Amino acid sequence: MWRSHQSLREGVTLGLIVGTAIWLWLVIVDAVAGQPFRTFHVLGGIALFTVLHYLLCLAYGVTAVAVVHRAAREPSLIMAAALGFFLISFAFAMLSALLSQVGLGHLAWVRILGGNLVGGILTFFLLSRTHPVLEEFKEAEQEE
């Protein structure tokens, strides 16, 4: 059964949850490393980083939910979404490599890629609970 979904509301919620989880991940990793808020300072300061981080996470959340909603009508969009996720992950790998040389050291991989992994897993978990797209695709195949 199709439920009524609102991409903006759901996307903002997803973005806030993912953004907060990644923000906390960075705080915890920095604290365990004995360098409180090191990542934030390297990336522009606590306030600037937090504002930009949440803005990007909100855009990410709205886009992810909109793609899932659209994919319910156009299943081929799932492949485009998977490619987009791969490209974003690759970009974070490159950012981690750069930041490991410029200011965060070897823990850049744990900080940046770890945060990206936390965000990706959380996104998949939350979207799969509220948007059973894969199950709907299987049902549609069985109907044909």
N, C-alpha and C. Protein backbone atom coordinates (compact mmCIF):
# COMPACT_ATOMS: atom_id res chain seq x y z
N MET A 1 0.83 -1.18 0.00
CA MET A 1 0.00 0.00 0.00
C MET A 1 0.87 1.25 0.00
N TRP A 2 0.48 2.21 -0.81
CA TRP A 2 1.21 3.47 -0.86
C TRP A 2 0.71 4.37 0.26
N ARG A 3 1.64 4.94 0.98
CA ARG A 3 1.29 5.91 2.01
C ARG A 3 1.65 7.29 1.49
N SER A 4 1.00 8.27 2.04
CA SER A 4 1.30 9.64 1.66
C SER A 4 2.60 10.07 2.35
N HIS A 5 3.52 10.58 1.55
CA HIS A 5 4.81 11.03 2.08
C HIS A 5 5.05 12.46 1.65
N GLN A 6 5.76 13.19 2.49
CA GLN A 6 6.14 14.56 2.17
C GLN A 6 7.66 14.64 2.18
N SER A 7 8.24 14.82 0.99
CA SER A 7 9.69 14.79 0.85
C SER A 7 10.38 15.85 1.70
N LEU A 8 9.86 17.05 1.74
CA LEU A 8 10.52 18.12 2.48
C LEU A 8 10.53 17.82 3.98
N ARG A 9 9.39 17.50 4.54
CA ARG A 9 9.32 17.23 5.98
C ARG A 9 10.16 16.03 6.35
N GLU A 10 10.01 14.94 5.61
CA GLU A 10 10.76 13.73 5.91
C GLU A 10 12.25 13.93 5.67
N GLY A 11 12.59 14.68 4.63
CA GLY A 11 13.99 14.93 4.32
C GLY A 11 14.67 15.80 5.37
N VAL A 12 13.96 16.80 5.85
CA VAL A 12 14.52 17.65 6.91
C VAL A 12 14.74 16.81 8.17
N THR A 13 13.79 15.97 8.50
CA THR A 13 13.94 15.09 9.67
C THR A 13 15.14 14.17 9.49
N LEU A 14 15.24 13.54 8.32
CA LEU A 14 16.37 12.65 8.04
C LEU A 14 17.68 13.43 8.12
N GLY A 15 17.73 14.61 7.51
CA GLY A 15 18.95 15.42 7.52
C GLY A 15 19.37 15.81 8.93
N LEU A 16 18.39 16.17 9.78
CA LEU A 16 18.72 16.53 11.16
C LEU A 16 19.24 15.32 11.95
N ILE A 17 18.62 14.18 11.75
CA ILE A 17 19.06 12.97 12.46
C ILE A 17 20.47 12.57 12.01
N VAL A 18 20.67 12.50 10.70
CA VAL A 18 21.98 12.12 10.17
C VAL A 18 23.04 13.16 10.55
N GLY A 19 22.69 14.42 10.42
CA GLY A 19 23.63 15.49 10.77
C GLY A 19 24.06 15.41 12.23
N THR A 20 23.11 15.18 13.11
CA THR A 20 23.42 15.09 14.53
C THR A 20 24.28 13.86 14.83
N ALA A 21 23.96 12.74 14.19
CA ALA A 21 24.75 11.52 14.41
C ALA A 21 26.19 11.72 13.96
N ILE A 22 26.39 12.33 12.80
CA ILE A 22 27.75 12.57 12.31
C ILE A 22 28.47 13.59 13.19
N TRP A 23 27.77 14.64 13.60
CA TRP A 23 28.35 15.66 14.47
C TRP A 23 28.83 15.01 15.77
N LEU A 24 27.98 14.17 16.36
CA LEU A 24 28.35 13.48 17.59
C LEU A 24 29.51 12.51 17.36
N TRP A 25 29.53 11.83 16.21
CA TRP A 25 30.63 10.94 15.87
C TRP A 25 31.95 11.72 15.90
N LEU A 26 31.96 12.88 15.28
CA LEU A 26 33.18 13.69 15.25
C LEU A 26 33.59 14.14 16.64
N VAL A 27 32.63 14.54 17.46
CA VAL A 27 32.93 14.96 18.83
C VAL A 27 33.54 13.79 19.62
N ILE A 28 32.94 12.62 19.48
CA ILE A 28 33.42 11.44 20.22
C ILE A 28 34.81 11.03 19.75
N VAL A 29 35.03 10.95 18.45
CA VAL A 29 36.35 10.56 17.93
C VAL A 29 37.40 11.57 18.37
N ASP A 30 37.10 12.85 18.27
CA ASP A 30 38.06 13.87 18.70
C ASP A 30 38.35 13.75 20.19
N ALA A 31 37.33 13.52 21.00
CA ALA A 31 37.52 13.39 22.45
C ALA A 31 38.35 12.17 22.79
N VAL A 32 38.06 11.04 22.16
CA VAL A 32 38.82 9.80 22.42
C VAL A 32 40.28 9.98 22.00
N ALA A 33 40.51 10.73 20.93
CA ALA A 33 41.87 10.99 20.45
C ALA A 33 42.60 12.01 21.32
N GLY A 34 41.88 12.60 22.28
CA GLY A 34 42.50 13.60 23.14
C GLY A 34 42.66 14.95 22.47
N GLN A 35 41.87 15.18 21.42
CA GLN A 35 41.93 16.44 20.67
C GLN A 35 40.51 16.99 20.52
N PRO A 36 39.92 17.47 21.63
CA PRO A 36 38.54 17.93 21.56
C PRO A 36 38.31 18.98 20.45
N PHE A 37 37.31 18.73 19.64
CA PHE A 37 36.87 19.62 18.56
C PHE A 37 37.97 19.91 17.54
N ARG A 38 38.96 19.05 17.42
CA ARG A 38 40.04 19.25 16.44
C ARG A 38 39.49 19.32 15.01
N THR A 39 38.61 18.39 14.66
CA THR A 39 38.04 18.36 13.31
C THR A 39 37.31 19.66 13.01
N PHE A 40 36.56 20.16 13.97
CA PHE A 40 35.80 21.39 13.78
C PHE A 40 36.73 22.58 13.54
N HIS A 41 37.82 22.64 14.30
CA HIS A 41 38.76 23.76 14.16
C HIS A 41 39.48 23.69 12.81
N VAL A 42 39.87 22.50 12.38
CA VAL A 42 40.54 22.35 11.09
C VAL A 42 39.61 22.74 9.95
N LEU A 43 38.31 22.47 10.12
CA LEU A 43 37.34 22.73 9.05
C LEU A 43 36.60 24.06 9.21
N GLY A 44 37.22 25.03 9.89
CA GLY A 44 36.66 26.37 9.91
C GLY A 44 36.16 26.88 11.24
N GLY A 45 36.21 26.09 12.28
CA GLY A 45 35.71 26.51 13.59
C GLY A 45 34.39 25.83 13.89
N ILE A 46 34.07 25.78 15.17
CA ILE A 46 32.88 25.03 15.60
C ILE A 46 31.60 25.60 15.00
N ALA A 47 31.42 26.90 15.07
CA ALA A 47 30.16 27.51 14.59
C ALA A 47 30.02 27.37 13.08
N LEU A 48 31.05 27.74 12.34
CA LEU A 48 30.97 27.67 10.88
C LEU A 48 30.79 26.23 10.41
N PHE A 49 31.58 25.32 10.99
CA PHE A 49 31.45 23.93 10.60
C PHE A 49 30.05 23.40 10.88
N THR A 50 29.52 23.71 12.07
CA THR A 50 28.21 23.20 12.45
C THR A 50 27.12 23.71 11.51
N VAL A 51 27.14 24.98 11.19
CA VAL A 51 26.14 25.56 10.28
C VAL A 51 26.23 24.91 8.90
N LEU A 52 27.44 24.87 8.34
CA LEU A 52 27.59 24.28 7.00
C LEU A 52 27.27 22.78 7.00
N HIS A 53 27.69 22.10 8.04
CA HIS A 53 27.43 20.66 8.16
C HIS A 53 25.92 20.38 8.15
N TYR A 54 25.18 21.12 8.95
CA TYR A 54 23.73 20.90 9.00
C TYR A 54 23.04 21.31 7.70
N LEU A 55 23.50 22.38 7.08
CA LEU A 55 22.91 22.77 5.79
C LEU A 55 23.12 21.67 4.75
N LEU A 56 24.33 21.13 4.69
CA LEU A 56 24.60 20.05 3.74
C LEU A 56 23.82 18.78 4.09
N CYS A 57 23.70 18.48 5.36
CA CYS A 57 22.93 17.30 5.77
C CYS A 57 21.44 17.46 5.48
N LEU A 58 20.91 18.67 5.64
CA LEU A 58 19.51 18.92 5.29
C LEU A 58 19.29 18.73 3.79
N ALA A 59 20.20 19.27 2.98
CA ALA A 59 20.10 19.08 1.53
C ALA A 59 20.20 17.60 1.17
N TYR A 60 21.11 16.89 1.81
CA TYR A 60 21.28 15.46 1.60
C TYR A 60 20.00 14.70 1.96
N GLY A 61 19.43 15.02 3.12
CA GLY A 61 18.22 14.33 3.57
C GLY A 61 17.04 14.55 2.66
N VAL A 62 16.81 15.80 2.26
CA VAL A 62 15.70 16.11 1.35
C VAL A 62 15.90 15.42 0.01
N THR A 63 17.13 15.44 -0.50
CA THR A 63 17.41 14.79 -1.78
C THR A 63 17.22 13.29 -1.69
N ALA A 64 17.73 12.68 -0.63
CA ALA A 64 17.60 11.22 -0.47
C ALA A 64 16.13 10.79 -0.41
N VAL A 65 15.33 11.51 0.36
CA VAL A 65 13.91 11.16 0.49
C VAL A 65 13.18 11.40 -0.84
N ALA A 66 13.49 12.49 -1.50
CA ALA A 66 12.85 12.78 -2.79
C ALA A 66 13.19 11.71 -3.82
N VAL A 67 14.42 11.24 -3.82
CA VAL A 67 14.82 10.19 -4.76
C VAL A 67 14.08 8.89 -4.45
N VAL A 68 13.96 8.55 -3.19
CA VAL A 68 13.24 7.32 -2.82
C VAL A 68 11.77 7.43 -3.21
N HIS A 69 11.17 8.60 -2.98
CA HIS A 69 9.77 8.77 -3.38
C HIS A 69 9.61 8.65 -4.89
N ARG A 70 10.52 9.26 -5.62
CA ARG A 70 10.44 9.22 -7.09
C ARG A 70 10.72 7.81 -7.60
N ALA A 71 11.63 7.10 -6.92
CA ALA A 71 11.97 5.75 -7.36
C ALA A 71 10.80 4.79 -7.20
N ALA A 72 9.88 5.12 -6.33
CA ALA A 72 8.69 4.28 -6.19
C ALA A 72 7.87 4.30 -7.48
N ARG A 73 7.98 5.40 -8.24
CA ARG A 73 7.26 5.51 -9.52
C ARG A 73 8.15 5.15 -10.70
N GLU A 74 9.45 5.40 -10.56
CA GLU A 74 10.41 5.11 -11.63
C GLU A 74 11.56 4.29 -11.05
N PRO A 75 11.42 2.96 -11.06
CA PRO A 75 12.41 2.09 -10.41
C PRO A 75 13.84 2.25 -10.93
N SER A 76 14.02 2.68 -12.16
CA SER A 76 15.38 2.83 -12.69
C SER A 76 16.16 3.92 -11.96
N LEU A 77 15.46 4.77 -11.25
CA LEU A 77 16.12 5.84 -10.51
C LEU A 77 16.96 5.29 -9.35
N ILE A 78 16.67 4.09 -8.89
CA ILE A 78 17.45 3.47 -7.82
C ILE A 78 18.90 3.30 -8.27
N MET A 79 19.12 2.94 -9.52
CA MET A 79 20.49 2.78 -10.01
C MET A 79 21.21 4.12 -10.02
N ALA A 80 20.53 5.16 -10.40
CA ALA A 80 21.13 6.50 -10.38
C ALA A 80 21.44 6.91 -8.95
N ALA A 81 20.57 6.59 -8.02
CA ALA A 81 20.80 6.91 -6.61
C ALA A 81 22.01 6.14 -6.08
N ALA A 82 22.13 4.88 -6.46
CA ALA A 82 23.28 4.08 -6.02
C ALA A 82 24.58 4.67 -6.57
N LEU A 83 24.57 5.09 -7.82
CA LEU A 83 25.75 5.73 -8.41
C LEU A 83 26.07 7.04 -7.69
N GLY A 84 25.05 7.82 -7.39
CA GLY A 84 25.26 9.07 -6.65
C GLY A 84 25.85 8.81 -5.28
N PHE A 85 25.35 7.79 -4.58
CA PHE A 85 25.89 7.45 -3.26
C PHE A 85 27.36 7.04 -3.38
N PHE A 86 27.68 6.26 -4.41
CA PHE A 86 29.07 5.84 -4.63
C PHE A 86 29.96 7.06 -4.89
N LEU A 87 29.50 8.00 -5.69
CA LEU A 87 30.30 9.19 -5.99
C LEU A 87 30.50 10.05 -4.75
N ILE A 88 29.48 10.18 -3.92
CA ILE A 88 29.62 10.94 -2.67
C ILE A 88 30.62 10.24 -1.75
N SER A 89 30.54 8.93 -1.65
CA SER A 89 31.49 8.19 -0.82
C SER A 89 32.91 8.35 -1.33
N PHE A 90 33.09 8.32 -2.65
CA PHE A 90 34.40 8.52 -3.25
C PHE A 90 34.92 9.92 -2.93
N ALA A 91 34.05 10.91 -3.00
CA ALA A 91 34.45 12.28 -2.69
C ALA A 91 34.91 12.39 -1.23
N PHE A 92 34.21 11.70 -0.32
CA PHE A 92 34.63 11.72 1.08
C PHE A 92 35.95 10.99 1.29
N ALA A 93 36.20 9.95 0.50
CA ALA A 93 37.50 9.27 0.57
C ALA A 93 38.62 10.22 0.13
N MET A 94 38.37 10.96 -0.93
CA MET A 94 39.38 11.93 -1.39
C MET A 94 39.57 13.04 -0.37
N LEU A 95 38.49 13.50 0.23
CA LEU A 95 38.58 14.53 1.27
C LEU A 95 39.37 14.01 2.46
N SER A 96 39.15 12.75 2.83
CA SER A 96 39.89 12.15 3.93
C SER A 96 41.38 12.10 3.62
N ALA A 97 41.72 11.72 2.40
CA ALA A 97 43.13 11.68 2.01
C ALA A 97 43.75 13.06 2.09
N LEU A 98 43.05 14.05 1.61
CA LEU A 98 43.55 15.42 1.65
C LEU A 98 43.71 15.90 3.09
N LEU A 99 42.69 15.71 3.90
CA LEU A 99 42.73 16.19 5.28
C LEU A 99 43.74 15.43 6.14
N SER A 100 44.06 14.19 5.76
CA SER A 100 45.07 13.45 6.52
C SER A 100 46.45 14.08 6.32
N GLN A 101 46.63 14.78 5.21
CA GLN A 101 47.90 15.44 4.91
C GLN A 101 47.94 16.89 5.39
N VAL A 102 46.77 17.51 5.53
CA VAL A 102 46.71 18.94 5.77
C VAL A 102 46.38 19.34 7.20
N GLY A 103 45.90 18.46 8.03
CA GLY A 103 45.57 18.95 9.36
C GLY A 103 45.00 17.93 10.32
N LEU A 104 44.41 16.86 9.84
CA LEU A 104 43.78 15.91 10.75
C LEU A 104 44.63 14.67 11.01
N GLY A 105 45.69 14.49 10.25
CA GLY A 105 46.56 13.33 10.44
C GLY A 105 45.88 12.03 10.06
N HIS A 106 46.42 10.96 10.60
CA HIS A 106 45.90 9.62 10.23
C HIS A 106 44.47 9.39 10.70
N LEU A 107 44.03 10.11 11.70
CA LEU A 107 42.66 9.94 12.17
C LEU A 107 41.63 10.58 11.23
N ALA A 108 42.07 11.25 10.19
CA ALA A 108 41.12 11.81 9.23
C ALA A 108 40.25 10.71 8.65
N TRP A 109 40.81 9.54 8.45
CA TRP A 109 40.05 8.43 7.88
C TRP A 109 38.95 7.99 8.83
N VAL A 110 39.27 7.93 10.12
CA VAL A 110 38.26 7.53 11.11
C VAL A 110 37.22 8.63 11.24
N ARG A 111 37.69 9.87 11.28
CA ARG A 111 36.77 10.99 11.46
C ARG A 111 35.84 11.16 10.27
N ILE A 112 36.41 11.32 9.09
CA ILE A 112 35.62 11.66 7.90
C ILE A 112 34.91 10.44 7.31
N LEU A 113 35.67 9.40 6.99
CA LEU A 113 35.02 8.22 6.41
C LEU A 113 34.13 7.51 7.44
N GLY A 114 34.54 7.52 8.69
CA GLY A 114 33.71 6.94 9.74
C GLY A 114 32.38 7.67 9.85
N GLY A 115 32.44 9.00 9.82
CA GLY A 115 31.21 9.80 9.84
C GLY A 115 30.34 9.54 8.63
N ASN A 116 30.98 9.41 7.46
CA ASN A 116 30.24 9.11 6.23
C ASN A 116 29.57 7.74 6.33
N LEU A 117 30.28 6.79 6.90
CA LEU A 117 29.71 5.45 7.08
C LEU A 117 28.54 5.47 8.06
N VAL A 118 28.70 6.19 9.16
CA VAL A 118 27.61 6.33 10.13
C VAL A 118 26.38 6.95 9.45
N GLY A 119 26.60 8.02 8.69
CA GLY A 119 25.50 8.69 7.99
C GLY A 119 24.83 7.79 6.96
N GLY A 120 25.63 7.05 6.20
CA GLY A 120 25.08 6.16 5.18
C GLY A 120 24.26 5.02 5.77
N ILE A 121 24.79 4.40 6.81
CA ILE A 121 24.07 3.29 7.46
C ILE A 121 22.78 3.79 8.10
N LEU A 122 22.87 4.93 8.76
CA LEU A 122 21.68 5.50 9.39
C LEU A 122 20.62 5.87 8.35
N THR A 123 21.06 6.45 7.25
CA THR A 123 20.12 6.80 6.17
C THR A 123 19.44 5.56 5.64
N PHE A 124 20.22 4.53 5.33
CA PHE A 124 19.65 3.29 4.80
C PHE A 124 18.67 2.68 5.79
N PHE A 125 19.05 2.65 7.07
CA PHE A 125 18.18 2.07 8.10
C PHE A 125 16.87 2.84 8.21
N LEU A 126 16.96 4.15 8.31
CA LEU A 126 15.74 4.95 8.48
C LEU A 126 14.84 4.90 7.25
N LEU A 127 15.44 5.00 6.05
CA LEU A 127 14.62 4.96 4.84
C LEU A 127 14.02 3.58 4.60
N SER A 128 14.75 2.54 4.95
CA SER A 128 14.21 1.19 4.73
C SER A 128 13.06 0.89 5.69
N ARG A 129 13.02 1.54 6.84
CA ARG A 129 11.92 1.35 7.79
C ARG A 129 10.67 2.08 7.35
N THR A 130 10.84 3.25 6.74
CA THR A 130 9.67 4.06 6.40
C THR A 130 9.31 3.98 4.92
N HIS A 131 10.21 3.47 4.11
CA HIS A 131 9.99 3.40 2.65
C HIS A 131 10.46 2.04 2.14
N PRO A 132 9.64 1.04 2.23
CA PRO A 132 10.04 -0.30 1.80
C PRO A 132 10.07 -0.43 0.27
N VAL A 133 10.92 0.37 -0.37
CA VAL A 133 10.96 0.41 -1.83
C VAL A 133 11.34 -0.94 -2.42
N LEU A 134 12.34 -1.60 -1.84
CA LEU A 134 12.77 -2.89 -2.38
C LEU A 134 11.65 -3.92 -2.32
N GLU A 135 10.90 -3.92 -1.23
CA GLU A 135 9.77 -4.85 -1.13
C GLU A 135 8.70 -4.52 -2.16
N GLU A 136 8.48 -3.23 -2.39
CA GLU A 136 7.48 -2.82 -3.38
C GLU A 136 7.92 -3.22 -4.80
N PHE A 137 9.23 -3.15 -5.07
CA PHE A 137 9.73 -3.59 -6.37
C PHE A 137 9.51 -5.09 -6.56
N LYS A 138 9.75 -5.87 -5.52
CA LYS A 138 9.55 -7.32 -5.61
C LYS A 138 8.08 -7.64 -5.84
N GLU A 139 7.18 -6.93 -5.15
CA GLU A 139 5.76 -7.14 -5.35
C GLU A 139 5.34 -6.76 -6.77
N ALA A 140 5.89 -5.69 -7.29
CA ALA A 140 5.56 -5.26 -8.65
C ALA A 140 6.03 -6.29 -9.67
N GLU A 141 7.20 -6.90 -9.45
CA GLU A 141 7.70 -7.92 -10.35
C GLU A 141 6.80 -9.15 -10.34
N GLN A 142 6.31 -9.51 -9.17
CA GLN A 142 5.45 -10.68 -9.04
C GLN A 142 4.10 -10.46 -9.72
N GLU A 143 3.64 -9.21 -9.77
CA GLU A 143 2.37 -8.90 -10.40
C GLU A 143 2.46 -8.98 -11.91
N GLU A 144 3.64 -8.80 -12.46
CA GLU A 144 3.79 -8.81 -13.94
C GLU A 144 3.70 -10.15 -14.52
